[in-house]
C-alpha atoms as a PDB file:
ATOM      1  CA  SER A   1       0.007   0.002   0.000  1.00  0.00           C
ATOM      2  CA  PRO A   2       1.285   3.458  -0.812  1.00  0.00           C
ATOM      3  CA  LEU A   3       2.220   5.683   2.091  1.00  0.00           C
ATOM      4  CA  ASP A   4       1.005   9.271   2.350  1.00  0.00           C
ATOM      5  CA  PRO A   5       3.761  11.855   2.698  1.00  0.00           C
ATOM      6  CA  GLY A   6       4.032  12.957   6.311  1.00  0.00           C
ATOM      7  CA  SER A   7       2.158   9.930   7.657  1.00  0.00           C
ATOM      8  CA  ALA A   8       3.532   8.068  10.640  1.00  0.00           C
ATOM      9  CA  ILE A   9       4.518   4.403  10.413  1.00  0.00           C
ATOM     10  CA  LYS A  10       5.966   1.859  12.839  1.00  0.00           C
ATOM     11  CA  THR A  11       9.246   0.192  11.975  1.00  0.00           C
ATOM     12  CA  ASP A  12      11.042  -2.752  13.540  1.00  0.00           C
ATOM     13  CA  ARG A  13      14.683  -3.751  13.694  1.00  0.00           C
ATOM     14  CA  LEU A  14      16.205  -6.474  15.826  1.00  0.00           C
ATOM     15  CA  GLY A  15      18.232  -5.077  18.679  1.00  0.00           C
ATOM     16  CA  GLY A  16      17.981  -2.562  21.428  1.00  0.00           C
ATOM     17  CA  ARG A  17      19.236  -1.969  24.903  1.00  0.00           C
ATOM     18  CA  VAL A  18      18.584  -3.809  28.106  1.00  0.00           C
ATOM     19  CA  ARG A  19      19.011  -2.196  31.481  1.00  0.00           C
ATOM     20  CA  HIS A  20      20.301  -4.691  34.031  1.00  0.00           C
ATOM     21  CA  SER A  21      20.328  -4.315  37.799  1.00  0.00           C
ATOM     22  CA  GLY A  22      22.046  -1.206  38.882  1.00  0.00           C
ATOM     23  CA  ASP A  23      22.995   1.237  36.145  1.00  0.00           C
ATOM     24  CA  LYS A  24      24.444  -1.266  33.673  1.00  0.00           C
ATOM     25  CA  THR A  25      22.930  -0.980  30.178  1.00  0.00           C
ATOM     26  CA  VAL A  26      23.879  -3.396  27.385  1.00  0.00           C
ATOM     27  CA  TRP A  27      23.211  -2.793  23.689  1.00  0.00           C
ATOM     28  CA  TYR A  28      22.226  -5.780  21.547  1.00  0.00           C
ATOM     29  CA  HIS A  29      22.237  -5.656  17.741  1.00  0.00           C
ATOM     30  CA  ILE A  30      22.960  -7.641  14.599  1.00  0.00           C
ATOM     31  CA  SER A  31      26.580  -7.173  13.505  1.00  0.00           C
ATOM     32  CA  GLY A  32      26.738  -4.651  10.665  1.00  0.00           C
ATOM     33  CA  GLN A  33      23.231  -3.265  11.337  1.00  0.00           C
ATOM     34  CA  SER A  34      23.004   0.128  13.010  1.00  0.00           C
ATOM     35  CA  MET A  35      19.957   1.766  14.487  1.00  0.00           C
ATOM     36  CA  PRO A  36      18.534   5.004  13.074  1.00  0.00           C
ATOM     37  CA  GLU A  37      18.682   7.935  15.447  1.00  0.00           C
ATOM     38  CA  PRO A  38      15.863  10.359  16.199  1.00  0.00           C
ATOM     39  CA  GLY A  39      16.087  13.738  14.507  1.00  0.00           C
ATOM     40  CA  LYS A  40      18.245  12.583  11.604  1.00  0.00           C
ATOM     41  CA  LYS A  41      17.175  12.348   7.971  1.00  0.00           C
ATOM     42  CA  TYR A  42      17.080   8.926   6.320  1.00  0.00           C
ATOM     43  CA  LEU A  43      15.987   7.155   3.165  1.00  0.00           C
ATOM     44  CA  PHE A  44      14.574   3.834   4.394  1.00  0.00           C
ATOM     45  CA  PHE A  45      14.083   0.625   2.473  1.00  0.00           C
ATOM     46  CA  LEU A  46      11.234  -1.193   4.205  1.00  0.00           C
ATOM     47  CA  ARG A  47       9.301  -4.436   4.005  1.00  0.00           C
ATOM     48  CA  ARG A  48       5.758  -4.575   5.326  1.00  0.00           C
ATOM     49  CA  HIS A  49       4.913  -7.351   7.759  1.00  0.00           C
ATOM     50  CA  SER A  50       2.160  -9.535   6.327  1.00  0.00           C
ATOM     51  CA  ASP A  51       0.499  -9.953   9.741  1.00  0.00           C
ATOM     52  CA  SER A  52       0.619  -6.344  11.013  1.00  0.00           C
ATOM     53  CA  GLU A  53       0.793  -2.678  10.030  1.00  0.00           C
ATOM     54  CA  ASN A  54       4.476  -2.539  10.981  1.00  0.00           C
ATOM     55  CA  TYR A  55       7.453  -2.435   8.592  1.00  0.00           C
ATOM     56  CA  SER A  56      10.889  -4.003   8.936  1.00  0.00           C
ATOM     57  CA  ILE A  57      13.917  -1.878   8.126  1.00  0.00           C
ATOM     58  CA  ILE A  58      15.797  -3.686   5.397  1.00  0.00           C
ATOM     59  CA  THR A  59      18.410  -0.914   5.322  1.00  0.00           C
ATOM     60  CA  ALA A  60      18.633   2.860   5.337  1.00  0.00           C
ATOM     61  CA  TYR A  61      20.861   5.687   4.288  1.00  0.00           C
ATOM     62  CA  GLU A  62      21.426   8.792   6.376  1.00  0.00           C
ATOM     63  CA  LEU A  63      21.211  11.970   4.285  1.00  0.00           C
ATOM     64  CA  ARG A  64      23.461  14.573   5.901  1.00  0.00           C
ATOM     65  CA  SER A  65      24.941  17.804   4.515  1.00  0.00           C
ATOM     66  CA  GLY A  66      24.121  16.791   0.932  1.00  0.00           C
ATOM     67  CA  ARG A  67      25.928  13.458   1.240  1.00  0.00           C
ATOM     68  CA  VAL A  68      24.847   9.810   1.670  1.00  0.00           C
ATOM     69  CA  HIS A  69      25.978   7.577   4.564  1.00  0.00           C
ATOM     70  CA  PRO A  70      24.803   3.911   4.713  1.00  0.00           C
ATOM     71  CA  LEU A  71      23.285   2.904   8.041  1.00  0.00           C
ATOM     72  CA  ASP A  72      24.566  -0.666   7.677  1.00  0.00           C
ATOM     73  CA  GLY A  73      27.919  -2.323   7.181  1.00  0.00           C
ATOM     74  CA  ASN A  74      31.302  -2.191   8.841  1.00  0.00           C
ATOM     75  CA  LYS A  75      34.793  -3.561   8.287  1.00  0.00           C
ATOM     76  CA  SER A  76      33.918  -7.007   9.658  1.00  0.00           C
ATOM     77  CA  SER A  77      30.491  -7.094   7.947  1.00  0.00           C
ATOM     78  CA  PRO A  78      30.701  -5.405   4.515  1.00  0.00           C
ATOM     79  CA  PHE A  79      27.494  -4.164   2.902  1.00  0.00           C
ATOM     80  CA  ALA A  80      26.824  -3.622  -0.799  1.00  0.00           C
ATOM     81  CA  GLY A  81      25.374  -0.182  -0.025  1.00  0.00           C
ATOM     82  CA  ALA A  82      28.820   0.964   1.076  1.00  0.00           C
ATOM     83  CA  ALA A  83      29.412   1.881  -2.568  1.00  0.00           C
ATOM     84  CA  TYR A  84      27.215   4.911  -1.912  1.00  0.00           C
ATOM     85  CA  GLU A  85      29.248   6.127   1.092  1.00  0.00           C
ATOM     86  CA  ASN A  86      29.650   9.908   0.778  1.00  0.00           C
ATOM     87  CA  ALA A  87      27.764   9.955  -2.576  1.00  0.00           C
ATOM     88  CA  ASP A  88      25.985  13.143  -3.641  1.00  0.00           C
ATOM     89  CA  GLU A  89      22.521  13.111  -2.091  1.00  0.00           C
ATOM     90  CA  GLN A  90      20.611  14.439  -5.121  1.00  0.00           C
ATOM     91  CA  ALA A  91      22.315  12.026  -7.529  1.00  0.00           C
ATOM     92  CA  PHE A  92      21.581   9.121  -5.178  1.00  0.00           C
ATOM     93  CA  LEU A  93      17.915  10.080  -4.778  1.00  0.00           C
ATOM     94  CA  SER A  94      17.569  10.413  -8.565  1.00  0.00           C
ATOM     95  CA  LYS A  95      18.950   6.857  -8.984  1.00  0.00           C
ATOM     96  CA  VAL A  96      16.478   5.541  -6.407  1.00  0.00           C
ATOM     97  CA  GLN A  97      13.541   7.325  -8.014  1.00  0.00           C
ATOM     98  CA  GLU A  98      14.537   5.959 -11.439  1.00  0.00           C
ATOM     99  CA  ALA A  99      14.787   2.401 -10.064  1.00  0.00           C
ATOM    100  CA  VAL A 100      11.366   2.715  -8.403  1.00  0.00           C
ATOM    101  CA  ALA A 101       9.808   4.043 -11.623  1.00  0.00           C
ATOM    102  CA  ILE A 102      11.268   1.135 -13.624  1.00  0.00           C
ATOM    103  CA  ALA A 103      10.022  -1.406 -11.061  1.00  0.00           C
ATOM    104  CA  LEU A 104       6.511   0.111 -11.025  1.00  0.00           C
ATOM    105  CA  ALA A 105       6.383   0.222 -14.839  1.00  0.00           C
ATOM    106  CA  SER A 106       7.320  -3.480 -15.014  1.00  0.00           C
ATOM    107  CA  GLY A 107       4.598  -4.387 -12.498  1.00  0.00           C
ATOM    108  CA  LYS A 108       6.986  -5.246  -9.655  1.00  0.00           C
ATOM    109  CA  PRO A 109       5.929  -4.191  -6.153  1.00  0.00           C
END
């Protein structure tokens, strides 16, 4: 289903933090997958859960100061999206829009 611009959605990603007794907090996450941070600008790639209204974050790119920064990947867990590290934001968004248009024209969801 298409999303309306400005509408709120719920997203899921494995991981989070657990506060243990005392003041000890431990972060749990999948290696190579980072968590988006509030207040930052991202382009998300999502998959809708078949049994709920929530979406899973497949991956995302932070858009900062006109540049692109993949949310996922690190030296021990490389990610194909790393090819876009520090790419020009407008050129990147144009490529994404073109890919979406091609997919829609060919009948792919």
